[in-house]
Amino acid sequence: MSDVLLKLQKVFNSTFDAQNFPITMNTGPDDIEGWDSLGHVTLASNIEQEFHVNLDVDELMEMENVGSIVRILEGKLGG
């Protein structure tokens, strides 16, 4: 598991109280209770704080599953 994915697991745990639900690259909104439009905004904010990045509107719209989030973050972090 990549460092980004491990760190992202912590963000998901705190955002959605999902400690018992391990995320994978294929995990999407249908898999996690609370990952609706408001949850998406909260998730994005928590990601920005944890990874010290700023996400633009296009990136927010691209965040369709964990894999796309990891890809976006790796691009921003130079990974």
N, C-alpha and C. Protein backbone atom coordinates (compact mmCIF):
# COMPACT_ATOMS: atom_id res chain seq x y z
N MET A 1 0.85 -1.18 0.00
CA MET A 1 0.00 0.00 0.00
C MET A 1 0.89 1.24 0.00
N SER A 2 0.58 2.18 -0.86
CA SER A 2 1.41 3.38 -0.97
C SER A 2 1.26 4.26 0.26
N ASP A 3 2.25 5.11 0.47
CA ASP A 3 2.20 6.05 1.59
C ASP A 3 0.98 6.96 1.49
N VAL A 4 0.66 7.39 0.26
CA VAL A 4 -0.49 8.26 0.05
C VAL A 4 -1.76 7.52 0.45
N LEU A 5 -1.88 6.26 0.04
CA LEU A 5 -3.08 5.49 0.37
C LEU A 5 -3.20 5.25 1.87
N LEU A 6 -2.08 4.98 2.53
CA LEU A 6 -2.10 4.79 3.98
C LEU A 6 -2.56 6.06 4.70
N LYS A 7 -2.02 7.19 4.27
CA LYS A 7 -2.38 8.47 4.88
C LYS A 7 -3.85 8.81 4.57
N LEU A 8 -4.27 8.46 3.36
CA LEU A 8 -5.64 8.71 2.95
C LEU A 8 -6.62 7.86 3.77
N GLN A 9 -6.20 6.66 4.15
CA GLN A 9 -7.04 5.81 5.00
C GLN A 9 -7.37 6.53 6.30
N LYS A 10 -6.38 7.21 6.86
CA LYS A 10 -6.60 7.97 8.10
C LYS A 10 -7.61 9.09 7.89
N VAL A 11 -7.52 9.75 6.73
CA VAL A 11 -8.46 10.84 6.42
C VAL A 11 -9.88 10.27 6.30
N PHE A 12 -10.02 9.14 5.62
CA PHE A 12 -11.33 8.51 5.49
C PHE A 12 -11.86 8.09 6.86
N ASN A 13 -10.97 7.53 7.70
CA ASN A 13 -11.39 7.11 9.04
C ASN A 13 -11.98 8.27 9.82
N SER A 14 -11.30 9.41 9.79
CA SER A 14 -11.78 10.56 10.57
C SER A 14 -12.98 11.23 9.92
N THR A 15 -13.02 11.27 8.61
CA THR A 15 -14.11 11.94 7.91
C THR A 15 -15.42 11.17 8.01
N PHE A 16 -15.33 9.86 7.80
CA PHE A 16 -16.54 9.04 7.72
C PHE A 16 -16.69 8.05 8.87
N ASP A 17 -15.85 8.17 9.88
CA ASP A 17 -15.89 7.24 11.01
C ASP A 17 -15.87 5.81 10.49
N ALA A 18 -14.91 5.53 9.61
CA ALA A 18 -14.86 4.25 8.90
C ALA A 18 -13.67 3.40 9.34
N GLN A 19 -13.39 3.36 10.63
CA GLN A 19 -12.23 2.63 11.13
C GLN A 19 -12.23 1.17 10.74
N ASN A 20 -13.38 0.57 10.62
CA ASN A 20 -13.44 -0.86 10.31
C ASN A 20 -13.61 -1.13 8.83
N PHE A 21 -13.43 -0.13 8.00
CA PHE A 21 -13.61 -0.29 6.56
C PHE A 21 -12.33 0.10 5.84
N PRO A 22 -11.52 -0.88 5.47
CA PRO A 22 -10.29 -0.54 4.74
C PRO A 22 -10.62 -0.08 3.32
N ILE A 23 -10.05 1.02 2.92
CA ILE A 23 -10.28 1.51 1.57
C ILE A 23 -9.31 0.85 0.60
N THR A 24 -9.74 0.75 -0.65
CA THR A 24 -8.90 0.26 -1.73
C THR A 24 -8.94 1.30 -2.85
N MET A 25 -8.16 1.08 -3.88
CA MET A 25 -8.14 2.02 -5.00
C MET A 25 -9.52 2.09 -5.68
N ASN A 26 -10.34 1.06 -5.52
CA ASN A 26 -11.65 1.02 -6.17
C ASN A 26 -12.79 1.52 -5.28
N THR A 27 -12.50 1.86 -4.03
CA THR A 27 -13.54 2.32 -3.12
C THR A 27 -14.12 3.64 -3.63
N GLY A 28 -15.45 3.70 -3.68
CA GLY A 28 -16.12 4.90 -4.16
C GLY A 28 -17.23 5.33 -3.22
N PRO A 29 -17.95 6.38 -3.60
CA PRO A 29 -19.01 6.91 -2.75
C PRO A 29 -20.10 5.88 -2.40
N ASP A 30 -20.37 4.96 -3.29
CA ASP A 30 -21.40 3.95 -3.01
C ASP A 30 -20.97 2.97 -1.93
N ASP A 31 -19.67 2.93 -1.65
CA ASP A 31 -19.13 1.97 -0.68
C ASP A 31 -19.07 2.51 0.74
N ILE A 32 -19.14 3.82 0.90
CA ILE A 32 -18.95 4.43 2.23
C ILE A 32 -20.15 5.30 2.57
N GLU A 33 -20.78 4.95 3.68
CA GLU A 33 -21.92 5.73 4.15
C GLU A 33 -21.45 7.14 4.51
N GLY A 34 -22.16 8.12 4.00
CA GLY A 34 -21.82 9.50 4.28
C GLY A 34 -21.01 10.18 3.18
N TRP A 35 -20.53 9.38 2.20
CA TRP A 35 -19.77 9.99 1.10
C TRP A 35 -20.77 10.47 0.04
N ASP A 36 -21.50 11.50 0.41
CA ASP A 36 -22.44 12.15 -0.49
C ASP A 36 -21.84 13.50 -0.87
N SER A 37 -22.64 14.41 -1.39
CA SER A 37 -22.08 15.69 -1.84
C SER A 37 -21.47 16.49 -0.69
N LEU A 38 -22.13 16.52 0.45
CA LEU A 38 -21.58 17.23 1.61
C LEU A 38 -20.36 16.49 2.15
N GLY A 39 -20.44 15.18 2.21
CA GLY A 39 -19.30 14.37 2.65
C GLY A 39 -18.10 14.55 1.75
N HIS A 40 -18.35 14.74 0.46
CA HIS A 40 -17.27 14.93 -0.51
C HIS A 40 -16.52 16.23 -0.22
N VAL A 41 -17.27 17.27 0.10
CA VAL A 41 -16.66 18.57 0.42
C VAL A 41 -15.84 18.45 1.72
N THR A 42 -16.41 17.78 2.71
CA THR A 42 -15.70 17.57 3.98
C THR A 42 -14.44 16.74 3.75
N LEU A 43 -14.56 15.69 2.96
CA LEU A 43 -13.41 14.84 2.63
C LEU A 43 -12.31 15.67 1.95
N ALA A 44 -12.69 16.48 0.98
CA ALA A 44 -11.72 17.31 0.26
C ALA A 44 -11.02 18.27 1.21
N SER A 45 -11.76 18.88 2.09
CA SER A 45 -11.17 19.80 3.06
C SER A 45 -10.18 19.07 3.97
N ASN A 46 -10.56 17.90 4.43
CA ASN A 46 -9.67 17.12 5.30
C ASN A 46 -8.43 16.64 4.55
N ILE A 47 -8.58 16.31 3.28
CA ILE A 47 -7.43 15.92 2.45
C ILE A 47 -6.47 17.11 2.32
N GLU A 48 -7.03 18.28 2.05
CA GLU A 48 -6.19 19.48 1.91
C GLU A 48 -5.40 19.74 3.18
N GLN A 49 -6.03 19.58 4.32
CA GLN A 49 -5.34 19.81 5.60
C GLN A 49 -4.28 18.75 5.86
N GLU A 50 -4.60 17.50 5.62
CA GLU A 50 -3.67 16.41 5.92
C GLU A 50 -2.45 16.41 5.00
N PHE A 51 -2.68 16.70 3.71
CA PHE A 51 -1.60 16.62 2.73
C PHE A 51 -0.99 17.98 2.42
N HIS A 52 -1.53 19.06 3.00
CA HIS A 52 -1.02 20.41 2.77
C HIS A 52 -1.02 20.76 1.28
N VAL A 53 -2.19 20.54 0.66
CA VAL A 53 -2.38 20.86 -0.76
C VAL A 53 -3.67 21.65 -0.90
N ASN A 54 -3.82 22.27 -2.06
CA ASN A 54 -5.07 22.92 -2.42
C ASN A 54 -5.65 22.18 -3.62
N LEU A 55 -6.92 21.83 -3.53
CA LEU A 55 -7.60 21.14 -4.62
C LEU A 55 -8.48 22.14 -5.35
N ASP A 56 -8.39 22.16 -6.69
CA ASP A 56 -9.25 23.06 -7.45
C ASP A 56 -10.55 22.34 -7.82
N VAL A 57 -11.48 23.07 -8.40
CA VAL A 57 -12.81 22.53 -8.70
C VAL A 57 -12.71 21.33 -9.63
N ASP A 58 -11.87 21.40 -10.65
CA ASP A 58 -11.72 20.28 -11.57
C ASP A 58 -11.24 19.02 -10.84
N GLU A 59 -10.30 19.20 -9.93
CA GLU A 59 -9.80 18.06 -9.16
C GLU A 59 -10.88 17.48 -8.26
N LEU A 60 -11.68 18.34 -7.66
CA LEU A 60 -12.79 17.87 -6.82
C LEU A 60 -13.76 17.03 -7.63
N MET A 61 -14.01 17.44 -8.85
CA MET A 61 -14.94 16.70 -9.72
C MET A 61 -14.32 15.38 -10.20
N GLU A 62 -13.00 15.33 -10.30
CA GLU A 62 -12.31 14.11 -10.73
C GLU A 62 -12.24 13.07 -9.62
N MET A 63 -12.49 13.46 -8.40
CA MET A 63 -12.37 12.56 -7.25
C MET A 63 -13.57 11.61 -7.19
N GLU A 64 -13.60 10.64 -8.11
CA GLU A 64 -14.73 9.72 -8.21
C GLU A 64 -14.56 8.47 -7.36
N ASN A 65 -13.31 8.16 -7.02
CA ASN A 65 -13.03 7.00 -6.16
C ASN A 65 -11.66 7.22 -5.53
N VAL A 66 -11.26 6.31 -4.68
CA VAL A 66 -9.98 6.46 -3.97
C VAL A 66 -8.82 6.49 -4.96
N GLY A 67 -8.88 5.66 -5.99
CA GLY A 67 -7.80 5.64 -6.99
C GLY A 67 -7.58 6.99 -7.64
N SER A 68 -8.67 7.68 -7.98
CA SER A 68 -8.52 9.00 -8.61
C SER A 68 -7.98 10.02 -7.61
N ILE A 69 -8.35 9.88 -6.34
CA ILE A 69 -7.82 10.78 -5.31
C ILE A 69 -6.32 10.56 -5.15
N VAL A 70 -5.90 9.30 -5.11
CA VAL A 70 -4.47 8.98 -4.99
C VAL A 70 -3.71 9.55 -6.18
N ARG A 71 -4.25 9.39 -7.38
CA ARG A 71 -3.60 9.89 -8.60
C ARG A 71 -3.43 11.42 -8.52
N ILE A 72 -4.48 12.12 -8.10
CA ILE A 72 -4.42 13.58 -7.97
C ILE A 72 -3.37 13.98 -6.95
N LEU A 73 -3.38 13.31 -5.79
CA LEU A 73 -2.44 13.66 -4.72
C LEU A 73 -1.00 13.36 -5.13
N GLU A 74 -0.77 12.21 -5.76
CA GLU A 74 0.58 11.88 -6.20
C GLU A 74 1.10 12.92 -7.20
N GLY A 75 0.20 13.41 -8.07
CA GLY A 75 0.59 14.46 -9.02
C GLY A 75 0.97 15.75 -8.31
N LYS A 76 0.22 16.09 -7.28
CA LYS A 76 0.51 17.32 -6.52
C LYS A 76 1.75 17.19 -5.64
N LEU A 77 1.99 15.97 -5.15
CA LEU A 77 3.10 15.75 -4.24
C LEU A 77 4.38 15.30 -4.96
N GLY A 78 4.28 15.19 -6.28
CA GLY A 78 5.44 14.77 -7.05
C GLY A 78 5.75 13.30 -6.91
N GLY A 79 4.74 12.51 -6.59
CA GLY A 79 4.95 11.09 -6.39
C GLY A 79 4.64 10.33 -7.60
